[in-house]
Amino acid sequence: MAVLQTFDIRWSRFPLMLLITQAALLVIGLLAIQRGDELVGDSGLVSRHLIWVMLSVPALILGGVLPIRFWREHSYLFFGISLALLVVPYFMPARGGSHRWIPLGPINFQPSEVAKLTYMMALAHYLMYRDNYRKLWGLVVPFIITLIPMGLILKEPDLGTSLLFLPVLFSMLFAAGARLSHLLMIIVLGVALMPVGWTAMSAEQKSRVTTLFSQQDGGVAPRGDGYHLHQSKQMLALGGVWGSHVSGPATDDSYLYHLPASRTDFIFCLVGERWGLWGCFGVIGLYLLMFAQGLKISTQTEEPFSRLLAVGIVTILCTQLIINTGMTVGLTPITGLTLPLLSYGGSSMLMTSFSLGLLLNIAIRPGFEVSGQTFRY
């Protein structure tokens, strides 16, 4: 690999569309949370969410200012610290039956959000070198790097976040240039390990999966796990094509609008109720623009760590979008997975903004220290 010495910043490559889509999604999230308060009463989350939105600005700047070299050189250290942080919640009191948060005074910190990003950094660092991904034995380490945080997060339990790691692993291996035969073996191995994963899931997690096959549209809301799915689809149906913002509320019965976690996991339902089907399409369109910009950034850099990190960031955000929106209509299991930049949640908001800052960093610094190999299968 050739060692180069170009570290200039090129503002002509600044991805303005990335910031525009982020700002638009942040505003929509605030309005959706406000709509939730209008439907079921003031929760105080709007003002708190606004604080997190303002804090996301320095998080974005931090990701964009420090050189990528800094994150690469310390990626293994940061990953090790994040794994240690994943253990800490087990010694904290459970909230809602889960050990996901570390209480820090008035706020609760979710270490799995940090683990997602440091995992991608560590994996990108390892996959920088051709011998680590072109040989079958070299894929053992990526699996170990992936399975450790997955297992710790699944044990919390947090099914949604744990599901994010395998797509990221596959996409980064593909972007690095791993052999297709090896990737097919990974898929076969993943399918073979599904029964093992099923036995490791809690009874609640299993019931959320089986609920997908016993859905019932209309009628009285079922009890148990099916209640959330019934109410989420009902909320979307109440929005119709244009939403209550244009057509007015579909009904005055406040019970029909009752949806637990509507401002966090099910905020997409509030988007559908407020702005209808076209509003949902608009939000998905903004995400697609963001992902397209991220992939463009990844293809414009030859530095392998930066390219792989950009692919990982786009993949994890895209997977969150698919799982979160899919669960609102019964296509994926209901999980505690937020919708990036829209859902209420400080840890998710800050880490997503920091990740977008890294994409900005990669975009405006075309210079690199180590040139990458030509892409190959």
Protein backbone atom coordinates (compact mmCIF):
# COMPACT_ATOMS: atom_id res chain seq x y z
CA MET A 1 0.00 0.00 0.00
CA ALA A 2 1.24 3.45 -0.83
CA VAL A 3 1.82 5.90 1.98
CA LEU A 4 0.70 9.43 1.08
CA GLN A 5 0.87 12.76 2.86
CA THR A 6 -2.19 14.77 1.83
CA PHE A 7 -4.30 16.14 4.65
CA ASP A 8 -5.91 19.18 3.02
CA ILE A 9 -9.55 19.98 3.62
CA ARG A 10 -11.65 20.50 0.51
CA TRP A 11 -14.81 22.40 1.29
CA SER A 12 -16.03 21.93 -2.27
CA ARG A 13 -16.79 18.33 -1.28
CA PHE A 14 -18.87 19.37 1.72
CA PRO A 15 -22.07 17.23 1.63
CA LEU A 16 -24.64 19.93 2.29
CA MET A 17 -27.51 17.56 1.48
CA LEU A 18 -26.47 15.40 4.43
CA LEU A 19 -26.99 18.33 6.81
CA ILE A 20 -30.26 19.34 5.14
CA THR A 21 -31.77 15.88 5.53
CA GLN A 22 -30.57 15.65 9.12
CA ALA A 23 -32.10 19.04 9.99
CA ALA A 24 -35.39 18.11 8.29
CA LEU A 25 -35.63 14.81 10.19
CA LEU A 26 -34.87 16.55 13.49
CA VAL A 27 -37.70 19.05 12.92
CA ILE A 28 -40.13 16.30 11.92
CA GLY A 29 -39.20 14.37 15.05
CA LEU A 30 -39.92 17.37 17.26
CA LEU A 31 -43.29 17.94 15.59
CA ALA A 32 -44.18 14.26 15.87
CA ILE A 33 -43.40 14.20 19.60
CA GLN A 34 -45.50 17.35 20.02
CA ARG A 35 -48.35 15.60 18.20
CA GLY A 36 -48.06 12.74 20.67
CA ASP A 37 -48.55 15.19 23.51
CA GLU A 38 -51.63 16.60 21.78
CA LEU A 39 -53.19 13.16 21.52
CA VAL A 40 -52.53 11.68 24.96
CA GLY A 41 -51.42 14.60 27.15
CA ASP A 42 -48.30 16.59 27.91
CA SER A 43 -45.30 14.42 28.68
CA GLY A 44 -42.63 17.11 28.87
CA LEU A 45 -40.61 15.24 26.24
CA VAL A 46 -40.74 18.02 23.66
CA SER A 47 -38.57 20.40 25.67
CA ARG A 48 -36.22 17.59 26.70
CA HIS A 49 -35.94 16.38 23.13
CA LEU A 50 -35.17 19.94 22.02
CA ILE A 51 -32.23 19.95 24.45
CA TRP A 52 -30.91 16.72 22.89
CA VAL A 53 -31.32 18.25 19.44
CA MET A 54 -29.19 21.22 20.48
CA LEU A 55 -26.59 18.89 22.02
CA SER A 56 -26.46 16.94 18.76
CA VAL A 57 -24.77 19.95 17.13
CA PRO A 58 -21.52 19.71 19.16
CA ALA A 59 -21.66 15.91 18.70
CA LEU A 60 -21.78 16.46 14.94
CA ILE A 61 -18.91 18.94 15.13
CA LEU A 62 -16.80 16.58 17.26
CA GLY A 63 -17.19 13.83 14.68
CA GLY A 64 -16.23 16.23 11.91
CA VAL A 65 -13.27 18.02 13.49
CA LEU A 66 -10.93 15.36 14.86
CA PRO A 67 -8.89 13.62 12.13
CA ILE A 68 -10.08 10.17 11.07
CA ARG A 69 -6.59 8.95 11.91
CA PHE A 70 -7.33 9.60 15.59
CA TRP A 71 -10.39 7.32 15.56
CA ARG A 72 -8.54 4.65 13.61
CA GLU A 73 -5.52 4.55 15.92
CA HIS A 74 -7.70 4.31 19.04
CA SER A 75 -10.49 2.15 17.59
CA TYR A 76 -9.55 -1.03 19.48
CA LEU A 77 -9.22 0.89 22.74
CA PHE A 78 -12.61 2.55 22.31
CA PHE A 79 -14.18 -0.79 21.39
CA GLY A 80 -12.75 -2.41 24.54
CA ILE A 81 -14.10 0.43 26.70
CA SER A 82 -17.54 0.13 25.11
CA LEU A 83 -17.61 -3.63 25.84
CA ALA A 84 -16.80 -2.87 29.48
CA LEU A 85 -19.62 -0.32 29.54
CA LEU A 86 -22.04 -2.97 28.22
CA VAL A 87 -21.39 -4.99 31.37
CA VAL A 88 -22.08 -2.11 33.76
CA PRO A 89 -25.92 -2.08 33.33
CA TYR A 90 -26.09 -5.63 34.69
CA PHE A 91 -25.11 -4.21 38.06
CA MET A 92 -27.76 -1.49 37.86
CA PRO A 93 -31.46 -1.81 38.77
CA ALA A 94 -33.55 -3.09 35.89
CA ARG A 95 -35.95 -0.74 34.11
CA GLY A 96 -38.95 -2.42 32.53
CA GLY A 97 -37.24 -5.78 32.95
CA SER A 98 -34.15 -4.68 31.01
CA HIS A 99 -30.59 -3.79 31.93
CA ARG A 100 -29.85 -1.33 29.14
CA TRP A 101 -29.06 1.96 30.86
CA ILE A 102 -26.46 3.48 33.15
CA PRO A 103 -28.06 6.19 35.34
CA LEU A 104 -26.07 9.44 35.28
CA GLY A 105 -27.98 11.82 37.49
CA PRO A 106 -31.02 13.16 35.63
CA ILE A 107 -30.24 11.21 32.44
CA ASN A 108 -29.83 7.57 31.50
CA PHE A 109 -26.95 6.58 29.26
CA GLN A 110 -27.39 3.61 26.89
CA PRO A 111 -23.95 2.05 26.27
CA SER A 112 -25.17 -0.09 23.37
CA GLU A 113 -25.38 3.09 21.26
CA VAL A 114 -21.66 3.69 21.78
CA ALA A 115 -20.90 0.01 21.20
CA LYS A 116 -22.47 0.14 17.73
CA LEU A 117 -20.12 2.89 16.58
CA THR A 118 -16.92 1.62 18.22
CA TYR A 119 -17.68 -1.84 16.80
CA MET A 120 -17.71 -0.39 13.28
CA MET A 121 -14.45 1.45 13.96
CA ALA A 122 -12.73 -1.69 15.23
CA LEU A 123 -14.05 -3.79 12.35
CA ALA A 124 -12.99 -1.18 9.77
CA HIS A 125 -9.52 -1.08 11.33
CA TYR A 126 -9.17 -4.85 11.10
CA LEU A 127 -10.50 -5.05 7.53
CA MET A 128 -8.04 -2.40 6.30
CA TYR A 129 -5.52 -5.10 5.54
CA ARG A 130 -6.07 -7.45 2.61
CA ASP A 131 -4.84 -10.61 4.35
CA ASN A 132 -7.52 -10.15 7.00
CA TYR A 133 -10.44 -10.59 4.64
CA ARG A 134 -9.21 -12.44 1.53
CA LYS A 135 -8.48 -15.64 3.49
CA LEU A 136 -11.13 -17.71 5.22
CA TRP A 137 -9.25 -17.90 8.51
CA GLY A 138 -9.09 -14.12 8.53
CA LEU A 139 -12.88 -13.95 8.91
CA VAL A 140 -12.77 -15.58 12.34
CA VAL A 141 -11.75 -12.36 14.06
CA PRO A 142 -14.60 -10.29 12.53
CA PHE A 143 -17.03 -12.91 13.81
CA ILE A 144 -15.57 -12.72 17.30
CA ILE A 145 -15.63 -8.91 17.19
CA THR A 146 -19.31 -9.12 16.18
CA LEU A 147 -20.60 -11.86 18.47
CA ILE A 148 -19.24 -10.43 21.73
CA PRO A 149 -21.28 -7.17 21.71
CA MET A 150 -24.22 -9.00 20.14
CA GLY A 151 -24.32 -11.49 23.00
CA LEU A 152 -24.00 -8.82 25.70
CA ILE A 153 -26.77 -6.70 24.15
CA LEU A 154 -29.08 -9.67 23.53
CA LYS A 155 -28.71 -10.61 27.20
CA GLU A 156 -29.93 -7.16 28.38
CA PRO A 157 -32.35 -8.08 26.66
CA ASP A 158 -32.34 -5.84 23.55
CA LEU A 159 -33.27 -7.85 20.49
CA GLY A 160 -33.54 -4.86 18.17
CA THR A 161 -30.03 -3.49 18.70
CA SER A 162 -28.46 -6.95 18.56
CA LEU A 163 -30.01 -7.50 15.12
CA LEU A 164 -28.01 -4.57 13.71
CA PHE A 165 -24.57 -6.15 13.93
CA LEU A 166 -24.83 -8.94 11.36
CA PRO A 167 -25.94 -6.71 8.44
CA VAL A 168 -23.09 -4.34 9.28
CA LEU A 169 -20.60 -7.22 9.35
CA PHE A 170 -21.78 -8.53 5.99
CA SER A 171 -21.82 -5.13 4.27
CA MET A 172 -18.37 -4.16 5.53
CA LEU A 173 -16.90 -7.51 4.49
CA PHE A 174 -18.45 -7.04 1.05
CA ALA A 175 -17.13 -3.47 0.77
CA ALA A 176 -13.67 -4.62 1.89
CA GLY A 177 -13.59 -7.15 -0.95
CA ALA A 178 -14.10 -10.48 0.82
CA ARG A 179 -14.56 -13.43 -1.51
CA LEU A 180 -18.14 -14.18 -2.49
CA SER A 181 -17.64 -17.84 -1.63
CA HIS A 182 -16.68 -16.83 1.91
CA LEU A 183 -19.69 -14.52 2.19
CA LEU A 184 -21.97 -17.35 1.10
CA MET A 185 -20.44 -19.52 3.78
CA ILE A 186 -21.19 -16.80 6.30
CA ILE A 187 -24.83 -16.75 5.21
CA VAL A 188 -25.08 -20.54 5.51
CA LEU A 189 -23.43 -20.43 8.92
CA GLY A 190 -25.79 -17.68 10.04
CA VAL A 191 -28.83 -19.71 9.00
CA ALA A 192 -27.43 -22.78 10.74
CA LEU A 193 -26.97 -20.79 13.96
CA MET A 194 -30.54 -19.47 13.98
CA PRO A 195 -31.78 -22.32 16.24
CA VAL A 196 -29.01 -21.49 18.69
CA GLY A 197 -30.04 -17.85 18.66
CA TRP A 198 -33.66 -18.84 19.19
CA THR A 199 -32.81 -20.83 22.32
CA ALA A 200 -30.82 -17.87 23.65
CA MET A 201 -33.80 -15.53 23.33
CA SER A 202 -36.06 -14.82 26.29
CA ALA A 203 -39.71 -15.88 26.33
CA GLU A 204 -40.77 -12.27 25.70
CA GLN A 205 -38.50 -11.97 22.67
CA LYS A 206 -39.81 -15.24 21.25
CA SER A 207 -43.41 -14.11 21.69
CA ARG A 208 -42.69 -10.94 19.73
CA VAL A 209 -41.51 -13.06 16.82
CA THR A 210 -44.44 -15.47 16.95
CA THR A 211 -46.86 -12.53 17.10
CA LEU A 212 -45.97 -11.78 13.47
CA PHE A 213 -47.72 -14.98 12.43
CA SER A 214 -50.90 -14.40 14.43
CA GLN A 215 -51.78 -10.83 13.41
CA GLN A 216 -55.39 -9.76 13.48
CA ASP A 217 -56.54 -6.59 11.74
CA GLY A 218 -59.52 -4.69 13.11
CA GLY A 219 -61.76 -5.65 15.98
CA VAL A 220 -60.94 -5.42 19.66
CA ALA A 221 -57.30 -4.87 20.53
CA PRO A 222 -55.72 -8.13 21.76
CA ARG A 223 -53.95 -8.38 25.07
CA GLY A 224 -50.28 -9.11 25.47
CA ASP A 225 -47.65 -8.58 22.78
CA GLY A 226 -50.21 -8.24 20.01
CA TYR A 227 -51.58 -5.03 21.54
CA HIS A 228 -48.69 -2.82 20.39
CA LEU A 229 -48.87 -4.06 16.82
CA HIS A 230 -52.67 -3.68 16.71
CA GLN A 231 -52.51 -0.10 17.97
CA SER A 232 -49.61 0.90 15.72
CA LYS A 233 -51.42 -0.24 12.58
CA GLN A 234 -54.59 1.44 13.81
CA MET A 235 -52.72 4.71 14.35
CA LEU A 236 -51.38 4.62 10.81
CA ALA A 237 -54.84 3.83 9.47
CA LEU A 238 -56.32 6.83 11.30
CA GLY A 239 -53.89 9.09 9.43
CA GLY A 240 -55.14 7.91 6.05
CA VAL A 241 -53.57 9.36 2.93
CA TRP A 242 -53.19 13.01 3.98
CA GLY A 243 -53.13 12.80 7.78
CA SER A 244 -54.92 14.75 10.48
CA HIS A 245 -52.90 17.89 9.67
CA VAL A 246 -54.87 18.23 6.41
CA SER A 247 -57.98 16.11 6.85
CA GLY A 248 -58.51 16.62 10.58
CA PRO A 249 -58.72 13.91 13.27
CA ALA A 250 -60.43 10.74 12.08
CA THR A 251 -62.18 10.24 15.42
CA ASP A 252 -62.68 11.87 18.81
CA ASP A 253 -62.17 8.60 20.70
CA SER A 254 -58.87 9.19 22.51
CA TYR A 255 -58.52 5.48 23.34
CA LEU A 256 -57.96 4.65 19.69
CA TYR A 257 -54.87 6.85 19.75
CA HIS A 258 -53.36 5.11 22.75
CA LEU A 259 -50.00 3.63 21.80
CA PRO A 260 -47.26 2.87 24.34
CA ALA A 261 -43.82 4.18 23.38
CA SER A 262 -45.37 6.32 20.65
CA ARG A 263 -42.66 8.99 21.03
CA THR A 264 -39.77 6.51 21.00
CA ASP A 265 -40.07 3.15 19.26
CA PHE A 266 -43.35 3.92 17.45
CA ILE A 267 -42.79 7.53 16.44
CA PHE A 268 -43.30 6.56 12.79
CA CYS A 269 -46.96 5.98 13.68
CA LEU A 270 -47.23 9.60 14.82
CA VAL A 271 -45.76 10.67 11.48
CA GLY A 272 -48.40 8.61 9.69
CA GLU A 273 -51.25 9.94 11.84
CA ARG A 274 -50.16 13.56 11.46
CA TRP A 275 -49.11 13.67 7.80
CA GLY A 276 -50.64 10.48 6.41
CA LEU A 277 -49.26 8.13 3.79
CA TRP A 278 -47.52 10.92 1.91
CA GLY A 279 -45.82 12.04 5.09
CA CYS A 280 -44.46 8.53 5.62
CA PHE A 281 -43.17 8.47 2.05
CA GLY A 282 -41.57 11.87 2.59
CA VAL A 283 -39.74 10.74 5.72
CA ILE A 284 -38.50 7.58 4.02
CA GLY A 285 -37.41 9.71 1.06
CA LEU A 286 -35.32 11.93 3.36
CA TYR A 287 -33.61 8.86 4.78
CA LEU A 288 -32.90 7.54 1.29
CA LEU A 289 -31.31 10.86 0.33
CA MET A 290 -29.15 10.65 3.44
CA PHE A 291 -28.10 7.08 2.68
CA ALA A 292 -27.33 7.94 -0.96
CA GLN A 293 -25.13 10.80 0.22
CA GLY A 294 -23.34 8.48 2.64
CA LEU A 295 -22.69 5.87 -0.04
CA LYS A 296 -21.42 8.58 -2.37
CA ILE A 297 -18.97 9.66 0.30
CA SER A 298 -17.77 6.07 0.73
CA THR A 299 -17.11 5.68 -2.98
CA GLN A 300 -15.20 8.96 -3.23
CA THR A 301 -12.54 8.04 -0.67
CA GLU A 302 -9.73 5.58 -1.32
CA GLU A 303 -8.59 5.39 2.30
CA PRO A 304 -9.80 1.92 3.39
CA PHE A 305 -10.67 2.69 7.01
CA SER A 306 -12.75 5.72 6.07
CA ARG A 307 -14.48 3.90 3.23
CA LEU A 308 -15.43 0.92 5.39
CA LEU A 309 -16.55 3.12 8.28
CA ALA A 310 -18.82 5.10 5.94
CA VAL A 311 -20.36 1.87 4.62
CA GLY A 312 -20.93 0.65 8.17
CA ILE A 313 -22.62 3.89 9.25
CA VAL A 314 -24.98 3.88 6.26
CA THR A 315 -25.78 0.19 6.78
CA ILE A 316 -26.63 0.50 10.45
CA LEU A 317 -28.86 3.53 9.91
CA CYS A 318 -30.59 1.85 6.97
CA THR A 319 -31.14 -1.34 8.99
CA GLN A 320 -32.65 0.68 11.83
CA LEU A 321 -35.02 2.33 9.37
CA ILE A 322 -36.12 -1.03 7.93
CA ILE A 323 -36.64 -2.71 11.31
CA ASN A 324 -38.35 0.25 12.97
CA THR A 325 -40.77 1.06 10.16
CA GLY A 326 -41.31 -2.62 9.45
CA MET A 327 -42.41 -3.38 12.98
CA THR A 328 -45.10 -0.69 12.87
CA VAL A 329 -46.90 -2.56 10.07
CA GLY A 330 -46.16 -6.10 11.20
CA LEU A 331 -43.31 -6.96 8.84
CA THR A 332 -40.60 -7.29 11.51
CA PRO A 333 -40.70 -8.23 15.22
CA ILE A 334 -41.49 -5.44 17.65
CA THR A 335 -38.23 -4.39 19.26
CA GLY A 336 -36.97 -1.52 21.35
CA LEU A 337 -35.23 0.05 18.37
CA THR A 338 -35.51 3.78 17.79
CA LEU A 339 -35.89 5.59 14.47
CA PRO A 340 -32.67 7.62 14.00
CA LEU A 341 -33.04 11.38 14.54
CA LEU A 342 -36.84 11.13 14.97
CA SER A 343 -37.37 9.09 18.13
CA TYR A 344 -36.93 10.55 21.58
CA GLY A 345 -33.70 9.30 23.12
CA GLY A 346 -30.55 11.18 24.05
CA SER A 347 -27.99 8.41 23.56
CA SER A 348 -29.33 7.53 20.13
CA MET A 349 -29.56 11.18 19.08
CA LEU A 350 -25.99 12.01 20.09
CA MET A 351 -24.39 8.93 18.58
CA THR A 352 -26.30 9.27 15.31
CA SER A 353 -25.23 12.91 15.01
CA PHE A 354 -21.66 11.96 15.85
CA SER A 355 -21.78 9.28 13.13
CA LEU A 356 -23.01 11.82 10.59
CA GLY A 357 -20.17 14.08 11.70
CA LEU A 358 -17.75 11.28 10.81
CA LEU A 359 -19.31 11.09 7.35
CA LEU A 360 -18.76 14.85 6.94
CA ASN A 361 -15.19 14.35 8.13
CA ILE A 362 -14.55 11.66 5.53
CA ALA A 363 -16.15 13.75 2.78
CA ILE A 364 -14.10 16.93 3.24
CA ARG A 365 -10.77 15.19 3.80
CA PRO A 366 -10.01 13.41 0.53
CA GLY A 367 -6.37 13.08 1.55
CA PHE A 368 -5.33 9.73 2.96
CA GLU A 369 -2.35 8.06 4.52
CA VAL A 370 -2.89 4.57 3.14
CA SER A 371 -4.35 3.98 -0.30
CA GLY A 372 -6.80 1.14 -0.67
CA GLN A 373 -6.67 -1.87 -2.95
CA THR A 374 -8.86 -1.88 -6.06
CA PHE A 375 -12.24 -3.38 -5.19
CA ARG A 376 -12.47 -7.07 -6.06
CA TYR A 377 -14.57 -10.13 -5.23
